[in-house]
Amino acid sequence: MTTERIDRLLFIEEVADKIRRSPSAVRYLVHVGDAPKSAKIGGRRMFKESDVNAWIEEQFNKAAS
């Protein structure tokens, strides 16, 4: 039996809280293509927690360059 770890799905509000921005700022990042990968599920924008964490690390790597 395999036990896959399923990513937790986050709403825009949770992502905004995690990166300390407003939900509208996250919506803008999605609009301009600078946000973590996301998808609309049931009419709501959702983010995989691992994608958000990877995006945060990427931002730090960009800043260090």
C-alpha atoms as a PDB file:
ATOM      1  CA  MET A   1       0.000   0.000   0.000  1.00  0.00           C
ATOM      2  CA  THR A   2       1.368   3.405  -0.942  1.00  0.00           C
ATOM      3  CA  THR A   3       0.685   6.398   1.205  1.00  0.00           C
ATOM      4  CA  GLU A   4       0.945   9.565  -0.833  1.00  0.00           C
ATOM      5  CA  ARG A   5       1.010  12.837   0.977  1.00  0.00           C
ATOM      6  CA  ILE A   6      -1.639  15.043  -0.548  1.00  0.00           C
ATOM      7  CA  ASP A   7      -0.872  18.747  -0.595  1.00  0.00           C
ATOM      8  CA  ARG A   8      -3.104  20.941   1.464  1.00  0.00           C
ATOM      9  CA  LEU A   9      -5.101  23.319  -0.728  1.00  0.00           C
ATOM     10  CA  LEU A  10      -5.051  26.975   0.263  1.00  0.00           C
ATOM     11  CA  PHE A  11      -7.517  29.747  -0.519  1.00  0.00           C
ATOM     12  CA  ILE A  12      -6.320  33.193  -1.615  1.00  0.00           C
ATOM     13  CA  GLU A  13      -6.904  34.511   1.905  1.00  0.00           C
ATOM     14  CA  GLU A  14      -4.597  31.856   3.368  1.00  0.00           C
ATOM     15  CA  VAL A  15      -1.876  32.563   0.813  1.00  0.00           C
ATOM     16  CA  ALA A  16      -2.211  36.290   1.491  1.00  0.00           C
ATOM     17  CA  ASP A  17      -1.814  35.671   5.213  1.00  0.00           C
ATOM     18  CA  LYS A  18       1.216  33.440   4.625  1.00  0.00           C
ATOM     19  CA  ILE A  19       3.028  36.058   2.520  1.00  0.00           C
ATOM     20  CA  ARG A  20       1.663  38.980   4.550  1.00  0.00           C
ATOM     21  CA  ARG A  21      -0.119  40.655   1.676  1.00  0.00           C
ATOM     22  CA  SER A  22      -3.776  41.476   1.134  1.00  0.00           C
ATOM     23  CA  PRO A  23      -6.011  39.083  -0.812  1.00  0.00           C
ATOM     24  CA  SER A  24      -6.366  41.756  -3.515  1.00  0.00           C
ATOM     25  CA  ALA A  25      -2.560  41.950  -3.818  1.00  0.00           C
ATOM     26  CA  VAL A  26      -2.458  38.174  -4.361  1.00  0.00           C
ATOM     27  CA  ARG A  27      -5.208  38.485  -6.978  1.00  0.00           C
ATOM     28  CA  TYR A  28      -3.091  41.109  -8.735  1.00  0.00           C
ATOM     29  CA  LEU A  29      -0.047  38.808  -8.650  1.00  0.00           C
ATOM     30  CA  VAL A  30      -2.193  36.087 -10.238  1.00  0.00           C
ATOM     31  CA  HIS A  31      -3.396  38.567 -12.872  1.00  0.00           C
ATOM     32  CA  VAL A  32       0.131  39.634 -13.885  1.00  0.00           C
ATOM     33  CA  GLY A  33       1.500  36.069 -13.688  1.00  0.00           C
ATOM     34  CA  ASP A  34       3.808  36.571 -10.691  1.00  0.00           C
ATOM     35  CA  ALA A  35       1.921  34.406  -8.182  1.00  0.00           C
ATOM     36  CA  PRO A  36       2.443  30.768  -7.219  1.00  0.00           C
ATOM     37  CA  LYS A  37       0.793  28.187  -9.489  1.00  0.00           C
ATOM     38  CA  SER A  38      -2.936  27.973  -8.889  1.00  0.00           C
ATOM     39  CA  ALA A  39      -6.157  26.639 -10.341  1.00  0.00           C
ATOM     40  CA  LYS A  40      -9.846  27.393 -10.079  1.00  0.00           C
ATOM     41  CA  ILE A  41     -11.599  24.541  -8.313  1.00  0.00           C
ATOM     42  CA  GLY A  42     -15.326  24.822  -7.816  1.00  0.00           C
ATOM     43  CA  GLY A  43     -15.152  28.468  -8.833  1.00  0.00           C
ATOM     44  CA  ARG A  44     -12.528  29.384  -6.212  1.00  0.00           C
ATOM     45  CA  ARG A  45      -8.838  30.015  -6.783  1.00  0.00           C
ATOM     46  CA  MET A  46      -6.806  27.360  -4.957  1.00  0.00           C
ATOM     47  CA  PHE A  47      -3.072  26.954  -4.377  1.00  0.00           C
ATOM     48  CA  LYS A  48      -1.131  23.831  -3.402  1.00  0.00           C
ATOM     49  CA  GLU A  49       0.788  24.519  -0.218  1.00  0.00           C
ATOM     50  CA  SER A  50       3.966  23.019  -1.712  1.00  0.00           C
ATOM     51  CA  ASP A  51       3.709  25.373  -4.718  1.00  0.00           C
ATOM     52  CA  VAL A  52       3.352  28.381  -2.412  1.00  0.00           C
ATOM     53  CA  ASN A  53       6.367  27.291  -0.356  1.00  0.00           C
ATOM     54  CA  ALA A  54       8.426  26.739  -3.534  1.00  0.00           C
ATOM     55  CA  TRP A  55       7.383  30.191  -4.818  1.00  0.00           C
ATOM     56  CA  ILE A  56       8.502  31.799  -1.538  1.00  0.00           C
ATOM     57  CA  GLU A  57      11.897  30.085  -1.808  1.00  0.00           C
ATOM     58  CA  GLU A  58      12.164  31.247  -5.426  1.00  0.00           C
ATOM     59  CA  GLN A  59      11.567  34.844  -4.317  1.00  0.00           C
ATOM     60  CA  PHE A  60      14.436  34.596  -1.825  1.00  0.00           C
ATOM     61  CA  ASN A  61      16.689  33.096  -4.505  1.00  0.00           C
ATOM     62  CA  LYS A  62      15.850  35.977  -6.885  1.00  0.00           C
ATOM     63  CA  ALA A  63      16.641  38.496  -4.144  1.00  0.00           C
ATOM     64  CA  ALA A  64      20.025  36.886  -3.512  1.00  0.00           C
ATOM     65  CA  SER A  65      21.022  37.115  -7.174  1.00  0.00           C
END
